[in-house]
């Protein structure tokens, strides 16, 4: 259901914004974009934004220094707006603020979102939450700095406008943001393509140690705590590794494991189309999109890989059976893009 932002804001004096743990480009872009718009257009409303530490690459966006990374005792809000978060638990440290708020709104594009807020604007087909935020705003009142944030968010969740979630409407919105005078090329170069030396090192390690399984239809790589310590890498330095793995020729699914603590892994999944990784992630308590999803699992890396690969194999075999029934060669490759 489409939300009218002005109606939601009526009578509100204090608003908080929050996004998911380990914020990515879309999370940062949608949160900061809406934050700056509210500060500019509704100066009578006190607005705060809560996020975990923002990766350095996203600090190209203005007002990142105003983000709150901890909850102060006594904080209470008339409205909490949850952005790019498919589950209330994914809010992390800001979850109590959501629970205590007098009213809540969720803006999201994850197919696994169960509509957990008082008001929900959830569009699984949208390219990004930043795109949805744009549709809530008065485009004539969008400032250059708000446009920069939303453009970054859209660019990141579309793989720089390459993934299948990039619709004609997505491109039209990107064009409208560019007309605000932003430097789209710089935003993409600085926040998406540019990598630090450490990021290149850990990427190289992940690629070198990767392995093909399931008749070379799935590629897997694991980065452990000791390797993170050796390279002095942060979780944000792992951004983009799973997408690079997915580019491997002949592979249908990429699986990347990042060890959070002993026997606990954050698993990122990417698909080229034949496998719905959101179903697999949801099966193990995670979520996401059809072609991009994630989950946190406990156990040895071998247990995690075996459990997930079993679900991948089930879908691949089912897809092969359907192709045979329809008269299509079972092993034919299809050009597909990532969500």
C-alpha atoms as a PDB file:
ATOM      1  CA  UNK A   1       0.000   0.000   0.000  1.00  0.00           C
ATOM      2  CA  UNK A   2       1.366   3.439  -0.958  1.00  0.00           C
ATOM      3  CA  UNK A   3       2.033   5.709   1.989  1.00  0.00           C
ATOM      4  CA  UNK A   4       1.443   9.455   2.020  1.00  0.00           C
ATOM      5  CA  UNK A   5       4.384  10.734   4.030  1.00  0.00           C
ATOM      6  CA  UNK A   6       2.766  14.037   4.912  1.00  0.00           C
ATOM      7  CA  UNK A   7      -0.164  12.217   6.524  1.00  0.00           C
ATOM      8  CA  UNK A   8       2.143   9.981   8.561  1.00  0.00           C
ATOM      9  CA  UNK A   9       4.096  13.006   9.836  1.00  0.00           C
ATOM     10  CA  UNK A  10       1.055  14.958  11.052  1.00  0.00           C
ATOM     11  CA  UNK A  11       1.184  15.633  14.777  1.00  0.00           C
ATOM     12  CA  UNK A  12       4.702  14.221  15.169  1.00  0.00           C
ATOM     13  CA  UNK A  13       7.352  16.157  17.057  1.00  0.00           C
ATOM     14  CA  UNK A  14      10.138  13.529  17.369  1.00  0.00           C
ATOM     15  CA  UNK A  15      11.066  11.014  14.663  1.00  0.00           C
ATOM     16  CA  UNK A  16      13.768   8.346  14.513  1.00  0.00           C
ATOM     17  CA  UNK A  17      15.063   6.580  11.417  1.00  0.00           C
ATOM     18  CA  UNK A  18      16.861   3.234  11.485  1.00  0.00           C
ATOM     19  CA  UNK A  19      18.233   0.624   9.116  1.00  0.00           C
ATOM     20  CA  UNK A  20      19.594  -2.894   9.268  1.00  0.00           C
ATOM     21  CA  UNK A  21      22.763  -4.107  10.953  1.00  0.00           C
ATOM     22  CA  UNK A  22      25.970  -3.889   8.903  1.00  0.00           C
ATOM     23  CA  UNK A  23      24.483  -1.117   6.709  1.00  0.00           C
ATOM     24  CA  UNK A  24      25.097  -1.373   2.963  1.00  0.00           C
ATOM     25  CA  UNK A  25      24.811   1.270   0.267  1.00  0.00           C
ATOM     26  CA  UNK A  26      21.027   1.159  -0.031  1.00  0.00           C
ATOM     27  CA  UNK A  27      20.525   1.196   3.728  1.00  0.00           C
ATOM     28  CA  UNK A  28      22.797   4.215   4.162  1.00  0.00           C
ATOM     29  CA  UNK A  29      21.414   5.956   1.079  1.00  0.00           C
ATOM     30  CA  UNK A  30      17.747   5.550   2.021  1.00  0.00           C
ATOM     31  CA  UNK A  31      18.267   6.481   5.687  1.00  0.00           C
ATOM     32  CA  UNK A  32      20.429   9.544   5.006  1.00  0.00           C
ATOM     33  CA  UNK A  33      18.351  10.623   2.026  1.00  0.00           C
ATOM     34  CA  UNK A  34      15.130  10.639   4.046  1.00  0.00           C
ATOM     35  CA  UNK A  35      16.898  12.136   7.067  1.00  0.00           C
ATOM     36  CA  UNK A  36      18.177  15.138   5.105  1.00  0.00           C
ATOM     37  CA  UNK A  37      14.809  15.649   3.391  1.00  0.00           C
ATOM     38  CA  UNK A  38      12.979  15.693   6.744  1.00  0.00           C
ATOM     39  CA  UNK A  39      15.527  18.072   8.269  1.00  0.00           C
ATOM     40  CA  UNK A  40      15.126  20.444   5.331  1.00  0.00           C
ATOM     41  CA  UNK A  41      11.377  20.261   4.750  1.00  0.00           C
ATOM     42  CA  UNK A  42      10.126  19.654   8.311  1.00  0.00           C
ATOM     43  CA  UNK A  43      12.430  21.755  10.530  1.00  0.00           C
ATOM     44  CA  UNK A  44       9.791  21.769  13.270  1.00  0.00           C
ATOM     45  CA  UNK A  45      10.199  18.010  13.735  1.00  0.00           C
ATOM     46  CA  UNK A  46      13.207  16.729  15.667  1.00  0.00           C
ATOM     47  CA  UNK A  47      14.707  13.922  13.569  1.00  0.00           C
ATOM     48  CA  UNK A  48      17.457  11.453  14.465  1.00  0.00           C
ATOM     49  CA  UNK A  49      18.971   8.591  12.470  1.00  0.00           C
ATOM     50  CA  UNK A  50      20.416   5.419  14.022  1.00  0.00           C
ATOM     51  CA  UNK A  51      22.840   3.104  12.219  1.00  0.00           C
ATOM     52  CA  UNK A  52      25.823   0.969  13.039  1.00  0.00           C
ATOM     53  CA  UNK A  53      29.196   2.442  12.072  1.00  0.00           C
ATOM     54  CA  UNK A  54      28.983   3.493   8.419  1.00  0.00           C
ATOM     55  CA  UNK A  55      31.704   2.051   6.145  1.00  0.00           C
ATOM     56  CA  UNK A  56      34.190   4.639   4.944  1.00  0.00           C
ATOM     57  CA  UNK A  57      33.148   4.234   1.286  1.00  0.00           C
ATOM     58  CA  UNK A  58      29.655   5.554   2.040  1.00  0.00           C
ATOM     59  CA  UNK A  59      30.887   8.643   3.874  1.00  0.00           C
ATOM     60  CA  UNK A  60      30.906  10.442   0.547  1.00  0.00           C
ATOM     61  CA  UNK A  61      27.282  11.196   1.482  1.00  0.00           C
ATOM     62  CA  UNK A  62      26.630  14.289   3.583  1.00  0.00           C
ATOM     63  CA  UNK A  63      25.463  14.151   7.239  1.00  0.00           C
ATOM     64  CA  UNK A  64      27.010  10.744   7.982  1.00  0.00           C
ATOM     65  CA  UNK A  65      28.682  12.443  10.968  1.00  0.00           C
ATOM     66  CA  UNK A  66      25.227  13.092  12.447  1.00  0.00           C
ATOM     67  CA  UNK A  67      24.296   9.402  12.603  1.00  0.00           C
ATOM     68  CA  UNK A  68      23.782   8.028  16.115  1.00  0.00           C
ATOM     69  CA  UNK A  69      25.478   4.680  16.773  1.00  0.00           C
ATOM     70  CA  UNK A  70      24.081   4.086  20.262  1.00  0.00           C
ATOM     71  CA  UNK A  71      20.797   4.581  22.097  1.00  0.00           C
ATOM     72  CA  UNK A  72      20.702   7.099  24.928  1.00  0.00           C
ATOM     73  CA  UNK A  73      18.578   6.245  27.952  1.00  0.00           C
ATOM     74  CA  UNK A  74      15.290   8.098  27.861  1.00  0.00           C
ATOM     75  CA  UNK A  75      15.089   8.398  24.065  1.00  0.00           C
ATOM     76  CA  UNK A  76      11.436   8.196  23.001  1.00  0.00           C
ATOM     77  CA  UNK A  77       9.875   8.957  19.632  1.00  0.00           C
ATOM     78  CA  UNK A  78       6.440   9.639  18.194  1.00  0.00           C
ATOM     79  CA  UNK A  79       7.404   7.778  15.022  1.00  0.00           C
ATOM     80  CA  UNK A  80      10.116   5.296  14.112  1.00  0.00           C
ATOM     81  CA  UNK A  81      10.723   4.790  10.386  1.00  0.00           C
ATOM     82  CA  UNK A  82      12.447   1.493   9.615  1.00  0.00           C
ATOM     83  CA  UNK A  83      14.240   1.462   6.247  1.00  0.00           C
ATOM     84  CA  UNK A  84      15.619  -1.419   4.160  1.00  0.00           C
ATOM     85  CA  UNK A  85      14.985  -3.862   6.994  1.00  0.00           C
ATOM     86  CA  UNK A  86      13.061  -7.079   6.377  1.00  0.00           C
ATOM     87  CA  UNK A  87      12.715  -8.048  10.036  1.00  0.00           C
ATOM     88  CA  UNK A  88      12.551  -6.024  13.256  1.00  0.00           C
ATOM     89  CA  UNK A  89      15.447  -8.030  14.729  1.00  0.00           C
ATOM     90  CA  UNK A  90      17.656  -6.791  11.894  1.00  0.00           C
ATOM     91  CA  UNK A  91      17.482  -3.301  13.392  1.00  0.00           C
ATOM     92  CA  UNK A  92      20.039  -4.379  15.953  1.00  0.00           C
ATOM     93  CA  UNK A  93      20.751  -1.852  18.693  1.00  0.00           C
ATOM     94  CA  UNK A  94      17.916   0.484  17.612  1.00  0.00           C
ATOM     95  CA  UNK A  95      15.196  -2.188  17.955  1.00  0.00           C
ATOM     96  CA  UNK A  96      14.128  -0.928  21.430  1.00  0.00           C
ATOM     97  CA  UNK A  97      13.411   2.506  19.944  1.00  0.00           C
ATOM     98  CA  UNK A  98      11.179   0.879  17.333  1.00  0.00           C
ATOM     99  CA  UNK A  99       9.325  -1.117  19.995  1.00  0.00           C
ATOM    100  CA  UNK A 100       8.837   1.922  22.233  1.00  0.00           C
ATOM    101  CA  UNK A 101       7.758   4.367  19.517  1.00  0.00           C
ATOM    102  CA  UNK A 102       4.136   5.497  19.543  1.00  0.00           C
ATOM    103  CA  UNK A 103       3.841   4.722  15.819  1.00  0.00           C
ATOM    104  CA  UNK A 104       5.987   2.849  13.313  1.00  0.00           C
ATOM    105  CA  UNK A 105       6.517   2.821   9.542  1.00  0.00           C
ATOM    106  CA  UNK A 106       8.492   0.316   7.484  1.00  0.00           C
ATOM    107  CA  UNK A 107       9.742   1.118   3.968  1.00  0.00           C
ATOM    108  CA  UNK A 108      11.383  -1.888   2.346  1.00  0.00           C
ATOM    109  CA  UNK A 109      11.774  -4.031  -0.782  1.00  0.00           C
ATOM    110  CA  UNK A 110      12.700  -7.419   0.721  1.00  0.00           C
ATOM    111  CA  UNK A 111      10.360 -10.213  -0.382  1.00  0.00           C
ATOM    112  CA  UNK A 112      10.752 -11.817   3.046  1.00  0.00           C
ATOM    113  CA  UNK A 113       9.370  -8.762   4.881  1.00  0.00           C
ATOM    114  CA  UNK A 114       6.373  -9.751   7.022  1.00  0.00           C
ATOM    115  CA  UNK A 115       4.928  -6.193   7.346  1.00  0.00           C
ATOM    116  CA  UNK A 116       5.790  -5.819  11.035  1.00  0.00           C
ATOM    117  CA  UNK A 117       5.182  -2.064  11.465  1.00  0.00           C
ATOM    118  CA  UNK A 118       1.962  -0.107  12.029  1.00  0.00           C
ATOM    119  CA  UNK A 119       2.271   1.251   8.489  1.00  0.00           C
ATOM    120  CA  UNK A 120       4.081  -0.690   5.771  1.00  0.00           C
ATOM    121  CA  UNK A 121       5.260   0.343   2.320  1.00  0.00           C
ATOM    122  CA  UNK A 122       6.786  -2.860   0.967  1.00  0.00           C
ATOM    123  CA  UNK A 123       7.382  -3.362  -2.755  1.00  0.00           C
ATOM    124  CA  UNK A 124       9.455  -6.511  -3.462  1.00  0.00           C
ATOM    125  CA  UNK A 125       9.754  -5.637  -7.155  1.00  0.00           C
ATOM    126  CA  UNK A 126      11.404  -2.291  -6.413  1.00  0.00           C
ATOM    127  CA  UNK A 127      15.113  -2.008  -7.157  1.00  0.00           C
ATOM    128  CA  UNK A 128      15.925  -0.598  -3.744  1.00  0.00           C
ATOM    129  CA  UNK A 129      14.551   1.069  -0.655  1.00  0.00           C
ATOM    130  CA  UNK A 130      16.130   4.299  -1.890  1.00  0.00           C
ATOM    131  CA  UNK A 131      13.864   4.130  -4.947  1.00  0.00           C
ATOM    132  CA  UNK A 132      10.838   3.721  -2.679  1.00  0.00           C
ATOM    133  CA  UNK A 133      11.919   6.671  -0.532  1.00  0.00           C
ATOM    134  CA  UNK A 134      12.087   8.808  -3.683  1.00  0.00           C
ATOM    135  CA  UNK A 135       8.440   7.982  -4.474  1.00  0.00           C
ATOM    136  CA  UNK A 136       7.415   9.221  -1.002  1.00  0.00           C
ATOM    137  CA  UNK A 137       9.004  12.633  -1.438  1.00  0.00           C
ATOM    138  CA  UNK A 138       7.973  15.758  -3.302  1.00  0.00           C
ATOM    139  CA  UNK A 139      10.504  15.561  -6.142  1.00  0.00           C
ATOM    140  CA  UNK A 140      10.505  19.329  -6.582  1.00  0.00           C
ATOM    141  CA  UNK A 141      11.735  19.725  -3.001  1.00  0.00           C
ATOM    142  CA  UNK A 142      14.528  17.138  -3.161  1.00  0.00           C
ATOM    143  CA  UNK A 143      17.871  18.857  -2.557  1.00  0.00           C
ATOM    144  CA  UNK A 144      21.150  17.965  -4.216  1.00  0.00           C
ATOM    145  CA  UNK A 145      22.502  16.276  -1.097  1.00  0.00           C
ATOM    146  CA  UNK A 146      19.345  14.191  -0.661  1.00  0.00           C
ATOM    147  CA  UNK A 147      19.576  13.231  -4.334  1.00  0.00           C
ATOM    148  CA  UNK A 148      23.198  12.113  -3.838  1.00  0.00           C
ATOM    149  CA  UNK A 149      22.197   9.761  -1.029  1.00  0.00           C
ATOM    150  CA  UNK A 150      19.274   8.211  -2.892  1.00  0.00           C
ATOM    151  CA  UNK A 151      21.302   7.833  -6.090  1.00  0.00           C
ATOM    152  CA  UNK A 152      24.023   5.968  -4.193  1.00  0.00           C
ATOM    153  CA  UNK A 153      21.450   3.641  -2.673  1.00  0.00           C
ATOM    154  CA  UNK A 154      19.861   2.836  -6.013  1.00  0.00           C
ATOM    155  CA  UNK A 155      23.233   2.362  -7.724  1.00  0.00           C
ATOM    156  CA  UNK A 156      24.391  -0.108  -5.081  1.00  0.00           C
ATOM    157  CA  UNK A 157      21.291  -2.299  -4.987  1.00  0.00           C
ATOM    158  CA  UNK A 158      21.115  -2.469  -8.795  1.00  0.00           C
ATOM    159  CA  UNK A 159      24.796  -3.306  -9.256  1.00  0.00           C
ATOM    160  CA  UNK A 160      25.210   0.048 -11.003  1.00  0.00           C
ATOM    161  CA  UNK A 161      21.990  -0.470 -12.988  1.00  0.00           C
ATOM    162  CA  UNK A 162      22.977  -3.947 -14.243  1.00  0.00           C
ATOM    163  CA  UNK A 163      20.765  -6.275 -12.187  1.00  0.00           C
ATOM    164  CA  UNK A 164      17.354  -7.506 -13.289  1.00  0.00           C
ATOM    165  CA  UNK A 165      15.636  -5.388 -10.620  1.00  0.00           C
ATOM    166  CA  UNK A 166      16.538  -2.296 -12.694  1.00  0.00           C
ATOM    167  CA  UNK A 167      13.231  -1.251 -14.250  1.00  0.00           C
ATOM    168  CA  UNK A 168      12.449   1.622 -16.630  1.00  0.00           C
ATOM    169  CA  UNK A 169      11.051   3.436 -13.587  1.00  0.00           C
ATOM    170  CA  UNK A 170      14.376   2.935 -11.788  1.00  0.00           C
ATOM    171  CA  UNK A 171      16.226   4.607 -14.647  1.00  0.00           C
ATOM    172  CA  UNK A 172      13.716   7.458 -14.755  1.00  0.00           C
ATOM    173  CA  UNK A 173      14.176   8.071 -11.033  1.00  0.00           C
ATOM    174  CA  UNK A 174      17.965   7.968 -11.418  1.00  0.00           C
ATOM    175  CA  UNK A 175      17.664  10.538 -14.217  1.00  0.00           C
ATOM    176  CA  UNK A 176      15.503  12.788 -12.029  1.00  0.00           C
ATOM    177  CA  UNK A 177      18.141  12.605  -9.282  1.00  0.00           C
ATOM    178  CA  UNK A 178      20.916  13.416 -11.750  1.00  0.00           C
ATOM    179  CA  UNK A 179      18.997  16.525 -12.813  1.00  0.00           C
ATOM    180  CA  UNK A 180      19.514  17.828  -9.278  1.00  0.00           C
ATOM    181  CA  UNK A 181      23.134  18.432 -10.285  1.00  0.00           C
ATOM    182  CA  UNK A 182      24.787  15.448  -8.646  1.00  0.00           C
ATOM    183  CA  UNK A 183      27.977  13.847  -9.964  1.00  0.00           C
ATOM    184  CA  UNK A 184      26.746  10.304 -10.527  1.00  0.00           C
ATOM    185  CA  UNK A 185      30.078   9.046 -11.825  1.00  0.00           C
ATOM    186  CA  UNK A 186      31.939  10.197  -8.722  1.00  0.00           C
ATOM    187  CA  UNK A 187      29.355   8.642  -6.402  1.00  0.00           C
ATOM    188  CA  UNK A 188      29.662   5.296  -8.182  1.00  0.00           C
ATOM    189  CA  UNK A 189      33.458   5.397  -8.427  1.00  0.00           C
ATOM    190  CA  UNK A 190      34.033   6.408  -4.802  1.00  0.00           C
ATOM    191  CA  UNK A 191      31.360   4.289  -3.102  1.00  0.00           C
ATOM    192  CA  UNK A 192      31.114   1.229  -5.377  1.00  0.00           C
ATOM    193  CA  UNK A 193      34.225   0.561  -7.454  1.00  0.00           C
ATOM    194  CA  UNK A 194      37.059   2.064  -5.434  1.00  0.00           C
ATOM    195  CA  UNK A 195      38.667  -0.504  -3.091  1.00  0.00           C
ATOM    196  CA  UNK A 196      41.300  -0.168  -0.407  1.00  0.00           C
ATOM    197  CA  UNK A 197      44.458  -2.256  -0.462  1.00  0.00           C
ATOM    198  CA  UNK A 198      43.043  -4.394   2.382  1.00  0.00           C
ATOM    199  CA  UNK A 199      39.797  -4.976   0.472  1.00  0.00           C
ATOM    200  CA  UNK A 200      41.750  -6.162  -2.565  1.00  0.00           C
ATOM    201  CA  UNK A 201      43.858  -8.454  -0.395  1.00  0.00           C
ATOM    202  CA  UNK A 202      40.881 -10.124   1.291  1.00  0.00           C
ATOM    203  CA  UNK A 203      39.088 -10.414  -2.072  1.00  0.00           C
ATOM    204  CA  UNK A 204      42.146 -12.107  -3.544  1.00  0.00           C
ATOM    205  CA  UNK A 205      42.259 -14.520  -0.639  1.00  0.00           C
ATOM    206  CA  UNK A 206      38.562 -15.345  -1.002  1.00  0.00           C
ATOM    207  CA  UNK A 207      38.936 -16.006  -4.731  1.00  0.00           C
ATOM    208  CA  UNK A 208      42.110 -18.055  -4.319  1.00  0.00           C
ATOM    209  CA  UNK A 209      40.544 -20.279  -1.642  1.00  0.00           C
ATOM    210  CA  UNK A 210      37.172 -20.690  -3.400  1.00  0.00           C
ATOM    211  CA  UNK A 211      35.940 -24.095  -4.538  1.00  0.00           C
ATOM    212  CA  UNK A 212      33.372 -25.419  -6.982  1.00  0.00           C
ATOM    213  CA  UNK A 213      30.734 -27.883  -5.749  1.00  0.00           C
ATOM    214  CA  UNK A 214      27.508 -29.441  -7.038  1.00  0.00           C
ATOM    215  CA  UNK A 215      29.003 -30.377 -10.414  1.00  0.00           C
ATOM    216  CA  UNK A 216      30.581 -26.914 -10.652  1.00  0.00           C
ATOM    217  CA  UNK A 217      27.187 -25.233 -10.455  1.00  0.00           C
ATOM    218  CA  UNK A 218      27.930 -23.597  -7.108  1.00  0.00           C
ATOM    219  CA  UNK A 219      31.023 -21.716  -5.918  1.00  0.00           C
ATOM    220  CA  UNK A 220      31.873 -21.411  -2.229  1.00  0.00           C
ATOM    221  CA  UNK A 221      34.408 -19.385  -0.279  1.00  0.00           C
ATOM    222  CA  UNK A 222      35.037 -18.930   3.445  1.00  0.00           C
ATOM    223  CA  UNK A 223      36.843 -16.125   5.262  1.00  0.00           C
ATOM    224  CA  UNK A 224      37.631 -16.966   8.879  1.00  0.00           C
ATOM    225  CA  UNK A 225      38.291 -14.799  11.924  1.00  0.00           C
ATOM    226  CA  UNK A 226      42.017 -15.491  11.839  1.00  0.00           C
ATOM    227  CA  UNK A 227      42.213 -14.257   8.236  1.00  0.00           C
ATOM    228  CA  UNK A 228      40.304 -11.093   9.112  1.00  0.00           C
ATOM    229  CA  UNK A 229      42.803 -10.484  11.903  1.00  0.00           C
ATOM    230  CA  UNK A 230      45.786 -11.211   9.647  1.00  0.00           C
ATOM    231  CA  UNK A 231      44.667  -8.705   7.015  1.00  0.00           C
ATOM    232  CA  UNK A 232      43.332  -6.314   9.686  1.00  0.00           C
ATOM    233  CA  UNK A 233      40.058  -6.294   7.777  1.00  0.00           C
ATOM    234  CA  UNK A 234      36.626  -5.126   8.950  1.00  0.00           C
ATOM    235  CA  UNK A 235      33.319  -6.764   7.930  1.00  0.00           C
ATOM    236  CA  UNK A 236      32.696  -3.850   5.572  1.00  0.00           C
ATOM    237  CA  UNK A 237      35.842  -4.844   3.673  1.00  0.00           C
ATOM    238  CA  UNK A 238      34.032  -7.998   2.501  1.00  0.00           C
ATOM    239  CA  UNK A 239      31.485  -6.010   0.489  1.00  0.00           C
ATOM    240  CA  UNK A 240      31.204  -7.264  -3.082  1.00  0.00           C
ATOM    241  CA  UNK A 241      33.072 -10.559  -2.650  1.00  0.00           C
ATOM    242  CA  UNK A 242      30.008 -12.761  -3.130  1.00  0.00           C
ATOM    243  CA  UNK A 243      29.002 -10.812  -6.241  1.00  0.00           C
ATOM    244  CA  UNK A 244      32.461 -11.337  -7.708  1.00  0.00           C
ATOM    245  CA  UNK A 245      32.210 -15.080  -7.000  1.00  0.00           C
ATOM    246  CA  UNK A 246      28.859 -15.181  -8.780  1.00  0.00           C
ATOM    247  CA  UNK A 247      30.493 -13.931 -11.976  1.00  0.00           C
ATOM    248  CA  UNK A 248      32.283 -17.276 -12.384  1.00  0.00           C
ATOM    249  CA  UNK A 249      31.342 -18.874 -15.715  1.00  0.00           C
ATOM    250  CA  UNK A 250      29.028 -21.877 -15.423  1.00  0.00           C
ATOM    251  CA  UNK A 251      28.079 -21.132 -11.824  1.00  0.00           C
ATOM    252  CA  UNK A 252      24.415 -20.752 -10.859  1.00  0.00           C
ATOM    253  CA  UNK A 253      24.864 -19.889  -7.180  1.00  0.00           C
ATOM    254  CA  UNK A 254      27.619 -18.243  -5.127  1.00  0.00           C
ATOM    255  CA  UNK A 255      27.932 -18.850  -1.386  1.00  0.00           C
ATOM    256  CA  UNK A 256      30.225 -16.747   0.801  1.00  0.00           C
ATOM    257  CA  UNK A 257      30.796 -17.479   4.484  1.00  0.00           C
ATOM    258  CA  UNK A 258      32.226 -14.909   6.883  1.00  0.00           C
ATOM    259  CA  UNK A 259      33.077 -16.217  10.344  1.00  0.00           C
ATOM    260  CA  UNK A 260      31.616 -13.857  12.941  1.00  0.00           C
ATOM    261  CA  UNK A 261      32.784 -15.902  15.934  1.00  0.00           C
ATOM    262  CA  UNK A 262      33.785 -19.547  16.459  1.00  0.00           C
ATOM    263  CA  UNK A 263      31.114 -21.798  14.894  1.00  0.00           C
ATOM    264  CA  UNK A 264      29.012 -18.832  13.749  1.00  0.00           C
ATOM    265  CA  UNK A 265      28.904 -17.643  10.125  1.00  0.00           C
ATOM    266  CA  UNK A 266      27.233 -14.882   8.165  1.00  0.00           C
ATOM    267  CA  UNK A 267      26.273 -16.475   4.839  1.00  0.00           C
ATOM    268  CA  UNK A 268      25.732 -14.402   1.692  1.00  0.00           C
ATOM    269  CA  UNK A 269      24.012 -16.038  -1.287  1.00  0.00           C
ATOM    270  CA  UNK A 270      23.758 -14.866  -4.898  1.00  0.00           C
ATOM    271  CA  UNK A 271      21.941 -16.570  -7.765  1.00  0.00           C
ATOM    272  CA  UNK A 272      21.863 -16.154 -11.531  1.00  0.00           C
ATOM    273  CA  UNK A 273      18.190 -17.032 -11.681  1.00  0.00           C
ATOM    274  CA  UNK A 274      17.549 -20.774 -11.503  1.00  0.00           C
ATOM    275  CA  UNK A 275      17.713 -20.809  -7.702  1.00  0.00           C
ATOM    276  CA  UNK A 276      15.581 -18.666  -5.382  1.00  0.00           C
ATOM    277  CA  UNK A 277      18.098 -17.955  -2.630  1.00  0.00           C
ATOM    278  CA  UNK A 278      15.527 -16.028  -0.568  1.00  0.00           C
ATOM    279  CA  UNK A 279      13.700 -19.326  -0.006  1.00  0.00           C
ATOM    280  CA  UNK A 280      16.908 -20.982   1.128  1.00  0.00           C
ATOM    281  CA  UNK A 281      17.808 -18.136   3.463  1.00  0.00           C
ATOM    282  CA  UNK A 282      14.278 -18.076   4.912  1.00  0.00           C
ATOM    283  CA  UNK A 283      14.433 -21.850   5.502  1.00  0.00           C
ATOM    284  CA  UNK A 284      17.385 -21.271   7.838  1.00  0.00           C
ATOM    285  CA  UNK A 285      15.957 -18.131   9.474  1.00  0.00           C
ATOM    286  CA  UNK A 286      17.312 -15.438   7.131  1.00  0.00           C
ATOM    287  CA  UNK A 287      15.831 -13.542   4.220  1.00  0.00           C
ATOM    288  CA  UNK A 288      16.427 -11.297   1.252  1.00  0.00           C
ATOM    289  CA  UNK A 289      15.607 -11.331  -2.446  1.00  0.00           C
ATOM    290  CA  UNK A 290      15.191 -14.041  -5.074  1.00  0.00           C
ATOM    291  CA  UNK A 291      18.750 -13.568  -6.332  1.00  0.00           C
ATOM    292  CA  UNK A 292      20.436 -12.007  -3.303  1.00  0.00           C
ATOM    293  CA  UNK A 293      19.891 -13.185   0.260  1.00  0.00           C
ATOM    294  CA  UNK A 294      21.651 -13.896   3.514  1.00  0.00           C
ATOM    295  CA  UNK A 295      21.442 -15.742   6.805  1.00  0.00           C
ATOM    296  CA  UNK A 296      23.479 -16.246   9.973  1.00  0.00           C
ATOM    297  CA  UNK A 297      24.083 -19.891  10.891  1.00  0.00           C
ATOM    298  CA  UNK A 298      25.868 -21.804  13.644  1.00  0.00           C
ATOM    299  CA  UNK A 299      28.016 -24.892  13.221  1.00  0.00           C
ATOM    300  CA  UNK A 300      31.221 -25.759  11.426  1.00  0.00           C
ATOM    301  CA  UNK A 301      31.784 -24.281   7.965  1.00  0.00           C
ATOM    302  CA  UNK A 302      31.378 -27.793   6.535  1.00  0.00           C
ATOM    303  CA  UNK A 303      27.985 -28.213   8.224  1.00  0.00           C
ATOM    304  CA  UNK A 304      26.795 -24.827   6.984  1.00  0.00           C
ATOM    305  CA  UNK A 305      27.958 -25.502   3.417  1.00  0.00           C
ATOM    306  CA  UNK A 306      26.421 -28.985   3.380  1.00  0.00           C
ATOM    307  CA  UNK A 307      23.066 -27.787   4.722  1.00  0.00           C
ATOM    308  CA  UNK A 308      22.771 -24.903   2.270  1.00  0.00           C
ATOM    309  CA  UNK A 309      24.111 -26.860  -0.713  1.00  0.00           C
ATOM    310  CA  UNK A 310      21.444 -29.493  -0.079  1.00  0.00           C
ATOM    311  CA  UNK A 311      18.749 -26.851  -0.534  1.00  0.00           C
ATOM    312  CA  UNK A 312      20.483 -25.474  -3.625  1.00  0.00           C
ATOM    313  CA  UNK A 313      20.706 -28.952  -5.154  1.00  0.00           C
ATOM    314  CA  UNK A 314      17.010 -29.545  -4.510  1.00  0.00           C
ATOM    315  CA  UNK A 315      16.099 -26.428  -6.503  1.00  0.00           C
ATOM    316  CA  UNK A 316      18.590 -27.134  -9.286  1.00  0.00           C
ATOM    317  CA  UNK A 317      17.276 -30.674  -9.715  1.00  0.00           C
ATOM    318  CA  UNK A 318      13.703 -29.402  -9.698  1.00  0.00           C
ATOM    319  CA  UNK A 319      14.613 -26.815 -12.341  1.00  0.00           C
ATOM    320  CA  UNK A 320      16.233 -29.526 -14.489  1.00  0.00           C
ATOM    321  CA  UNK A 321      13.103 -31.704 -14.241  1.00  0.00           C
ATOM    322  CA  UNK A 322      10.906 -28.808 -15.335  1.00  0.00           C
ATOM    323  CA  UNK A 323      13.182 -28.076 -18.296  1.00  0.00           C
ATOM    324  CA  UNK A 324      13.055 -31.706 -19.413  1.00  0.00           C
ATOM    325  CA  UNK A 325       9.253 -31.768 -19.150  1.00  0.00           C
ATOM    326  CA  UNK A 326       9.041 -28.609 -21.228  1.00  0.00           C
ATOM    327  CA  UNK A 327      11.402 -30.017 -23.863  1.00  0.00           C
ATOM    328  CA  UNK A 328      14.251 -27.653 -23.070  1.00  0.00           C
ATOM    329  CA  UNK A 329      17.816 -29.017 -22.890  1.00  0.00           C
ATOM    330  CA  UNK A 330      18.471 -29.521 -19.167  1.00  0.00           C
ATOM    331  CA  UNK A 331      21.967 -28.062 -19.202  1.00  0.00           C
ATOM    332  CA  UNK A 332      21.240 -25.001 -21.333  1.00  0.00           C
ATOM    333  CA  UNK A 333      22.559 -21.785 -19.826  1.00  0.00           C
ATOM    334  CA  UNK A 334      20.408 -18.677 -19.625  1.00  0.00           C
ATOM    335  CA  UNK A 335      21.562 -15.102 -19.465  1.00  0.00           C
ATOM    336  CA  UNK A 336      20.415 -13.760 -16.139  1.00  0.00           C
ATOM    337  CA  UNK A 337      21.351 -11.013 -13.739  1.00  0.00           C
ATOM    338  CA  UNK A 338      21.672 -10.623 -10.024  1.00  0.00           C
ATOM    339  CA  UNK A 339      19.022  -9.078  -7.825  1.00  0.00           C
END
